[in-house]
Amino acid sequence: MLSDLTAPLCPAPGIILILVFTALVSIYAFYDQRVYFSFILHPYSIVRKRKFYTLITAALVHTSWFHLIFNLAIVYILGAMVEREFSRMSACGHTSFLALYFFGTLSGNLGSVLVHQKDFFFRSAGASTGALAILGSFCIVNANESYINLPYLGEILNIHFIIVFILGLMYEIKFGKKDRIDQYAHLFGVLSGIIITLLFYPDLVNIIRFF
């Protein structure tokens, strides 16, 4: 397991592939709006025009430079560590990490489509769904470790953090301001990241402690 969040990052093949490909496509789409609008997630069109490819391509385009850099920073910082842990746990760890990101993105965006399929005006883009799948995986792989220390509360175990994070997303969906942020994709993304990780490495269940 990871002992220090500040340990030197060792970029692995999977994370490099994701970062480079996403950055190249996103930057190209900044200057070609036809690519951007053909790649974004539009649930209404997916259901009626069968544009299923956008369940994945939506992760390759972003609304702004800040949006792109922020998402890729999260993917890099957490993803490099998750891929490294996956490769330690199995010989096919790099492939498993790519599968985590791919199916996490797919599942999260599919969940958003199921919710927003009748809303013609709803659109979504960005790698945040896959990034949150990685976050969910990170907190399960390192469930019993803590990288957060809060005043009065002390250290917060990763397993506790991810539970609170999920509850926070659910609260935001139910009571938060309705804006352009695709919270359903975020929720389904982080949940799918947890589930996929446990499917790949079921022995992790036996070492997670909640208290």
C-alpha atoms as a PDB file:
ATOM      1  CA  MET A   1       0.000   0.000   0.000  1.00  0.00           C
ATOM      2  CA  LEU A   2       1.020   3.603  -0.339  1.00  0.00           C
ATOM      3  CA  SER A   3       2.768   5.057   2.661  1.00  0.00           C
ATOM      4  CA  ASP A   4       3.151   8.654   1.563  1.00  0.00           C
ATOM      5  CA  LEU A   5       1.058  10.723  -0.799  1.00  0.00           C
ATOM      6  CA  THR A   6       4.099  12.817  -1.599  1.00  0.00           C
ATOM      7  CA  ALA A   7       6.172   9.834  -2.723  1.00  0.00           C
ATOM      8  CA  PRO A   8       7.698  10.298  -6.188  1.00  0.00           C
ATOM      9  CA  LEU A   9       5.173   9.515  -8.879  1.00  0.00           C
ATOM     10  CA  CYS A  10       6.175   6.885 -11.386  1.00  0.00           C
ATOM     11  CA  PRO A  11       4.002   7.472 -14.449  1.00  0.00           C
ATOM     12  CA  ALA A  12       2.920   4.158 -15.930  1.00  0.00           C
ATOM     13  CA  PRO A  13       1.950   3.344 -19.528  1.00  0.00           C
ATOM     14  CA  GLY A  14      -1.776   3.526 -18.893  1.00  0.00           C
ATOM     15  CA  ILE A  15      -1.780   6.957 -17.306  1.00  0.00           C
ATOM     16  CA  ILE A  16       0.543   8.377 -19.948  1.00  0.00           C
ATOM     17  CA  LEU A  17      -1.728   7.074 -22.712  1.00  0.00           C
ATOM     18  CA  ILE A  18      -4.812   8.623 -21.089  1.00  0.00           C
ATOM     19  CA  LEU A  19      -3.167  11.978 -20.436  1.00  0.00           C
ATOM     20  CA  VAL A  20      -1.589  12.403 -23.854  1.00  0.00           C
ATOM     21  CA  PHE A  21      -4.607  11.245 -25.857  1.00  0.00           C
ATOM     22  CA  THR A  22      -7.074  13.320 -23.824  1.00  0.00           C
ATOM     23  CA  ALA A  23      -4.915  16.436 -24.009  1.00  0.00           C
ATOM     24  CA  LEU A  24      -4.399  16.160 -27.764  1.00  0.00           C
ATOM     25  CA  VAL A  25      -8.082  15.626 -28.550  1.00  0.00           C
ATOM     26  CA  SER A  26      -9.233  18.347 -26.141  1.00  0.00           C
ATOM     27  CA  ILE A  27      -6.814  20.936 -27.503  1.00  0.00           C
ATOM     28  CA  TYR A  28      -7.805  20.078 -31.062  1.00  0.00           C
ATOM     29  CA  ALA A  29     -11.488  20.415 -30.120  1.00  0.00           C
ATOM     30  CA  PHE A  30     -10.830  23.883 -28.672  1.00  0.00           C
ATOM     31  CA  TYR A  31     -10.098  25.021 -32.211  1.00  0.00           C
ATOM     32  CA  ASP A  32     -12.626  22.857 -34.040  1.00  0.00           C
ATOM     33  CA  GLN A  33     -16.121  23.209 -32.609  1.00  0.00           C
ATOM     34  CA  ARG A  34     -17.445  20.504 -34.910  1.00  0.00           C
ATOM     35  CA  VAL A  35     -15.314  17.960 -33.083  1.00  0.00           C
ATOM     36  CA  TYR A  36     -16.340  19.338 -29.700  1.00  0.00           C
ATOM     37  CA  PHE A  37     -20.070  19.163 -30.376  1.00  0.00           C
ATOM     38  CA  SER A  38     -19.855  15.742 -32.009  1.00  0.00           C
ATOM     39  CA  PHE A  39     -17.949  14.324 -29.002  1.00  0.00           C
ATOM     40  CA  ILE A  40     -19.878  15.789 -26.035  1.00  0.00           C
ATOM     41  CA  LEU A  41     -22.397  13.747 -24.079  1.00  0.00           C
ATOM     42  CA  HIS A  42     -25.940  14.606 -25.182  1.00  0.00           C
ATOM     43  CA  PRO A  43     -28.258  12.029 -23.578  1.00  0.00           C
ATOM     44  CA  TYR A  44     -31.215  13.036 -25.739  1.00  0.00           C
ATOM     45  CA  SER A  45     -29.254  12.231 -28.913  1.00  0.00           C
ATOM     46  CA  ILE A  46     -27.775   9.034 -27.497  1.00  0.00           C
ATOM     47  CA  VAL A  47     -31.227   7.597 -26.905  1.00  0.00           C
ATOM     48  CA  ARG A  48     -32.799   8.821 -30.148  1.00  0.00           C
ATOM     49  CA  LYS A  49     -29.873   8.878 -32.576  1.00  0.00           C
ATOM     50  CA  ARG A  50     -27.834   6.018 -31.091  1.00  0.00           C
ATOM     51  CA  LYS A  51     -24.729   8.168 -30.591  1.00  0.00           C
ATOM     52  CA  PHE A  52     -23.321   5.633 -28.148  1.00  0.00           C
ATOM     53  CA  TYR A  53     -19.722   6.507 -28.930  1.00  0.00           C
ATOM     54  CA  THR A  54     -20.148   9.764 -27.019  1.00  0.00           C
ATOM     55  CA  LEU A  55     -20.327   7.762 -23.787  1.00  0.00           C
ATOM     56  CA  ILE A  56     -16.537   7.592 -24.163  1.00  0.00           C
ATOM     57  CA  THR A  57     -15.640  10.539 -26.382  1.00  0.00           C
ATOM     58  CA  ALA A  58     -17.209  12.974 -23.907  1.00  0.00           C
ATOM     59  CA  ALA A  59     -14.198  12.298 -21.669  1.00  0.00           C
ATOM     60  CA  LEU A  60     -11.877  13.527 -24.414  1.00  0.00           C
ATOM     61  CA  VAL A  61     -13.237  17.070 -24.728  1.00  0.00           C
ATOM     62  CA  HIS A  62     -13.428  19.917 -22.215  1.00  0.00           C
ATOM     63  CA  THR A  63     -15.158  23.259 -21.950  1.00  0.00           C
ATOM     64  CA  SER A  64     -12.047  25.306 -21.116  1.00  0.00           C
ATOM     65  CA  TRP A  65      -8.317  25.131 -20.449  1.00  0.00           C
ATOM     66  CA  PHE A  66      -8.944  25.197 -16.701  1.00  0.00           C
ATOM     67  CA  HIS A  67     -11.432  22.348 -17.033  1.00  0.00           C
ATOM     68  CA  LEU A  68      -8.883  20.286 -18.971  1.00  0.00           C
ATOM     69  CA  ILE A  69      -5.907  20.991 -16.708  1.00  0.00           C
ATOM     70  CA  PHE A  70      -7.886  20.426 -13.497  1.00  0.00           C
ATOM     71  CA  ASN A  71      -9.230  17.056 -14.638  1.00  0.00           C
ATOM     72  CA  LEU A  72      -5.902  15.844 -15.999  1.00  0.00           C
ATOM     73  CA  ALA A  73      -4.150  16.875 -12.782  1.00  0.00           C
ATOM     74  CA  ILE A  74      -6.508  14.681 -10.759  1.00  0.00           C
ATOM     75  CA  VAL A  75      -6.176  11.821 -13.228  1.00  0.00           C
ATOM     76  CA  TYR A  76      -2.380  12.094 -13.099  1.00  0.00           C
ATOM     77  CA  ILE A  77      -1.907  12.419  -9.338  1.00  0.00           C
ATOM     78  CA  LEU A  78      -4.337   9.688  -8.298  1.00  0.00           C
ATOM     79  CA  GLY A  79      -4.149   7.614 -11.471  1.00  0.00           C
ATOM     80  CA  ALA A  80      -0.377   7.173 -11.391  1.00  0.00           C
ATOM     81  CA  MET A  81      -0.610   5.828  -7.852  1.00  0.00           C
ATOM     82  CA  VAL A  82      -3.583   3.566  -8.548  1.00  0.00           C
ATOM     83  CA  GLU A  83      -1.928   2.100 -11.633  1.00  0.00           C
ATOM     84  CA  ARG A  84       1.237   1.497  -9.645  1.00  0.00           C
ATOM     85  CA  GLU A  85      -0.759  -0.334  -6.962  1.00  0.00           C
ATOM     86  CA  PHE A  86      -2.626  -2.370  -9.569  1.00  0.00           C
ATOM     87  CA  SER A  87       0.668  -3.429 -11.146  1.00  0.00           C
ATOM     88  CA  ARG A  88       1.913  -4.538  -7.733  1.00  0.00           C
ATOM     89  CA  MET A  89      -1.164  -6.650  -7.112  1.00  0.00           C
ATOM     90  CA  SER A  90      -1.238  -8.431 -10.473  1.00  0.00           C
ATOM     91  CA  ALA A  91       0.759  -8.968 -13.642  1.00  0.00           C
ATOM     92  CA  CYS A  92      -1.984  -7.339 -15.711  1.00  0.00           C
ATOM     93  CA  GLY A  93      -2.230  -4.259 -13.493  1.00  0.00           C
ATOM     94  CA  HIS A  94      -1.655  -1.756 -16.292  1.00  0.00           C
ATOM     95  CA  THR A  95      -4.425  -3.310 -18.370  1.00  0.00           C
ATOM     96  CA  SER A  96      -6.689  -3.396 -15.324  1.00  0.00           C
ATOM     97  CA  PHE A  97      -6.109   0.312 -14.767  1.00  0.00           C
ATOM     98  CA  LEU A  98      -7.047   1.164 -18.351  1.00  0.00           C
ATOM     99  CA  ALA A  99     -10.162  -0.996 -17.950  1.00  0.00           C
ATOM    100  CA  LEU A 100     -11.002   0.848 -14.720  1.00  0.00           C
ATOM    101  CA  TYR A 101     -10.819   4.214 -16.459  1.00  0.00           C
ATOM    102  CA  PHE A 102     -12.685   3.044 -19.569  1.00  0.00           C
ATOM    103  CA  PHE A 103     -15.536   1.249 -17.809  1.00  0.00           C
ATOM    104  CA  GLY A 104     -15.693   3.870 -15.048  1.00  0.00           C
ATOM    105  CA  THR A 105     -16.199   6.556 -17.681  1.00  0.00           C
ATOM    106  CA  LEU A 106     -18.676   4.401 -19.581  1.00  0.00           C
ATOM    107  CA  SER A 107     -20.718   3.514 -16.487  1.00  0.00           C
ATOM    108  CA  GLY A 108     -20.765   7.049 -15.125  1.00  0.00           C
ATOM    109  CA  ASN A 109     -21.877   8.588 -18.394  1.00  0.00           C
ATOM    110  CA  LEU A 110     -24.442   5.843 -18.938  1.00  0.00           C
ATOM    111  CA  GLY A 111     -25.932   6.646 -15.539  1.00  0.00           C
ATOM    112  CA  SER A 112     -26.179  10.293 -16.565  1.00  0.00           C
ATOM    113  CA  VAL A 113     -27.904   9.308 -19.812  1.00  0.00           C
ATOM    114  CA  LEU A 114     -30.524   7.296 -17.938  1.00  0.00           C
ATOM    115  CA  VAL A 115     -31.324  10.333 -15.794  1.00  0.00           C
ATOM    116  CA  HIS A 116     -31.181  13.056 -18.473  1.00  0.00           C
ATOM    117  CA  GLN A 117     -32.409  11.181 -21.557  1.00  0.00           C
ATOM    118  CA  LYS A 118     -35.520  13.368 -21.917  1.00  0.00           C
ATOM    119  CA  ASP A 119     -33.720  16.675 -21.430  1.00  0.00           C
ATOM    120  CA  PHE A 120     -32.828  18.062 -24.848  1.00  0.00           C
ATOM    121  CA  PHE A 121     -30.816  20.943 -23.389  1.00  0.00           C
ATOM    122  CA  PHE A 122     -28.556  18.869 -21.141  1.00  0.00           C
ATOM    123  CA  ARG A 123     -24.977  18.347 -22.317  1.00  0.00           C
ATOM    124  CA  SER A 124     -21.849  17.166 -20.552  1.00  0.00           C
ATOM    125  CA  ALA A 125     -18.133  16.923 -21.287  1.00  0.00           C
ATOM    126  CA  GLY A 126     -14.873  16.211 -19.504  1.00  0.00           C
ATOM    127  CA  ALA A 127     -12.731  13.508 -17.944  1.00  0.00           C
ATOM    128  CA  SER A 128     -14.127  14.058 -14.455  1.00  0.00           C
ATOM    129  CA  THR A 129     -16.247  10.891 -14.609  1.00  0.00           C
ATOM    130  CA  GLY A 130     -13.160   8.759 -15.177  1.00  0.00           C
ATOM    131  CA  ALA A 131     -11.221  10.834 -12.643  1.00  0.00           C
ATOM    132  CA  LEU A 132     -13.825  10.090  -9.991  1.00  0.00           C
ATOM    133  CA  ALA A 133     -13.744   6.398 -10.870  1.00  0.00           C
ATOM    134  CA  ILE A 134     -10.019   6.605 -10.129  1.00  0.00           C
ATOM    135  CA  LEU A 135     -10.755   8.436  -6.857  1.00  0.00           C
ATOM    136  CA  GLY A 136     -13.144   5.668  -5.801  1.00  0.00           C
ATOM    137  CA  SER A 137     -10.543   3.048  -6.671  1.00  0.00           C
ATOM    138  CA  PHE A 138      -7.799   4.944  -4.837  1.00  0.00           C
ATOM    139  CA  CYS A 139      -9.847   5.107  -1.637  1.00  0.00           C
ATOM    140  CA  ILE A 140     -10.566   1.369  -1.766  1.00  0.00           C
ATOM    141  CA  VAL A 141      -7.007   0.305  -2.567  1.00  0.00           C
ATOM    142  CA  ASN A 142      -5.770   2.530   0.274  1.00  0.00           C
ATOM    143  CA  ALA A 143      -8.886   2.232   2.437  1.00  0.00           C
ATOM    144  CA  ASN A 144      -7.101   1.995   5.782  1.00  0.00           C
ATOM    145  CA  GLU A 145      -4.719   4.880   5.182  1.00  0.00           C
ATOM    146  CA  SER A 146      -5.279   8.568   5.735  1.00  0.00           C
ATOM    147  CA  TYR A 147      -4.116  11.592   3.766  1.00  0.00           C
ATOM    148  CA  ILE A 148      -6.528  14.078   5.361  1.00  0.00           C
ATOM    149  CA  ASN A 149      -6.115  15.569   8.833  1.00  0.00           C
ATOM    150  CA  LEU A 150      -8.884  17.884  10.011  1.00  0.00           C
ATOM    151  CA  PRO A 151      -8.947  20.105  13.109  1.00  0.00           C
ATOM    152  CA  TYR A 152     -10.808  18.449  16.007  1.00  0.00           C
ATOM    153  CA  LEU A 153     -11.500  15.343  13.910  1.00  0.00           C
ATOM    154  CA  GLY A 154      -7.938  14.223  13.339  1.00  0.00           C
ATOM    155  CA  GLU A 155      -7.003  11.814  10.580  1.00  0.00           C
ATOM    156  CA  ILE A 156      -9.766  10.700   8.220  1.00  0.00           C
ATOM    157  CA  LEU A 157      -9.392   7.212   6.770  1.00  0.00           C
ATOM    158  CA  ASN A 158      -9.808   7.042   3.009  1.00  0.00           C
ATOM    159  CA  ILE A 159     -12.719   4.623   3.367  1.00  0.00           C
ATOM    160  CA  HIS A 160     -14.516   7.171   5.551  1.00  0.00           C
ATOM    161  CA  PHE A 161     -13.669  10.003   3.177  1.00  0.00           C
ATOM    162  CA  ILE A 162     -15.134   8.233   0.151  1.00  0.00           C
ATOM    163  CA  ILE A 163     -18.332   7.387   2.043  1.00  0.00           C
ATOM    164  CA  VAL A 164     -18.783  11.037   3.048  1.00  0.00           C
ATOM    165  CA  PHE A 165     -17.902  12.117  -0.496  1.00  0.00           C
ATOM    166  CA  ILE A 166     -20.602   9.871  -1.973  1.00  0.00           C
ATOM    167  CA  LEU A 167     -23.164  11.099   0.544  1.00  0.00           C
ATOM    168  CA  GLY A 168     -22.166  14.654  -0.342  1.00  0.00           C
ATOM    169  CA  LEU A 169     -22.783  14.003  -4.027  1.00  0.00           C
ATOM    170  CA  MET A 170     -26.173  12.511  -3.221  1.00  0.00           C
ATOM    171  CA  TYR A 171     -27.055  15.541  -1.095  1.00  0.00           C
ATOM    172  CA  GLU A 172     -25.939  17.889  -3.870  1.00  0.00           C
ATOM    173  CA  ILE A 173     -28.084  16.025  -6.397  1.00  0.00           C
ATOM    174  CA  LYS A 174     -31.123  16.166  -4.130  1.00  0.00           C
ATOM    175  CA  PHE A 175     -30.848  19.628  -2.605  1.00  0.00           C
ATOM    176  CA  GLY A 176     -28.091  21.496  -4.456  1.00  0.00           C
ATOM    177  CA  LYS A 177     -28.391  24.223  -7.038  1.00  0.00           C
ATOM    178  CA  LYS A 178     -29.229  22.902 -10.479  1.00  0.00           C
ATOM    179  CA  ASP A 179     -26.300  23.927 -12.636  1.00  0.00           C
ATOM    180  CA  ARG A 180     -24.287  22.588 -15.554  1.00  0.00           C
ATOM    181  CA  ILE A 181     -22.210  20.186 -13.453  1.00  0.00           C
ATOM    182  CA  ASP A 182     -23.079  16.566 -14.226  1.00  0.00           C
ATOM    183  CA  GLN A 183     -23.345  15.310 -10.654  1.00  0.00           C
ATOM    184  CA  TYR A 184     -25.051  12.083 -11.717  1.00  0.00           C
ATOM    185  CA  ALA A 185     -22.053  11.163 -13.887  1.00  0.00           C
ATOM    186  CA  HIS A 186     -19.798  11.968 -10.938  1.00  0.00           C
ATOM    187  CA  LEU A 187     -21.836   9.790  -8.583  1.00  0.00           C
ATOM    188  CA  PHE A 188     -22.046   6.823 -10.937  1.00  0.00           C
ATOM    189  CA  GLY A 189     -18.382   7.301 -11.820  1.00  0.00           C
ATOM    190  CA  VAL A 190     -17.101   7.051  -8.261  1.00  0.00           C
ATOM    191  CA  LEU A 191     -19.419   4.125  -7.483  1.00  0.00           C
ATOM    192  CA  SER A 192     -18.324   2.247 -10.593  1.00  0.00           C
ATOM    193  CA  GLY A 193     -14.674   2.862  -9.677  1.00  0.00           C
ATOM    194  CA  ILE A 194     -15.239   1.179  -6.317  1.00  0.00           C
ATOM    195  CA  ILE A 195     -17.175  -1.741  -7.789  1.00  0.00           C
ATOM    196  CA  ILE A 196     -14.731  -2.357 -10.645  1.00  0.00           C
ATOM    197  CA  THR A 197     -11.770  -2.316  -8.270  1.00  0.00           C
ATOM    198  CA  LEU A 198     -13.413  -4.869  -5.978  1.00  0.00           C
ATOM    199  CA  LEU A 199     -14.275  -7.055  -8.967  1.00  0.00           C
ATOM    200  CA  PHE A 200     -10.647  -6.986 -10.103  1.00  0.00           C
ATOM    201  CA  TYR A 201      -9.193  -7.444  -6.616  1.00  0.00           C
ATOM    202  CA  PRO A 202     -11.862  -9.028  -4.361  1.00  0.00           C
ATOM    203  CA  ASP A 203      -9.331  -9.737  -1.601  1.00  0.00           C
ATOM    204  CA  LEU A 204      -9.373  -6.020  -0.785  1.00  0.00           C
ATOM    205  CA  VAL A 205     -12.725  -6.567   0.936  1.00  0.00           C
ATOM    206  CA  ASN A 206     -11.005  -8.599   3.640  1.00  0.00           C
ATOM    207  CA  ILE A 207      -8.555  -5.858   4.641  1.00  0.00           C
ATOM    208  CA  ILE A 208     -10.900  -2.864   4.744  1.00  0.00           C
ATOM    209  CA  ARG A 209     -11.675  -1.700   8.273  1.00  0.00           C
ATOM    210  CA  PHE A 210     -14.400   0.819   8.888  1.00  0.00           C
ATOM    211  CA  PHE A 211     -13.585   1.513  12.538  1.00  0.00           C
END
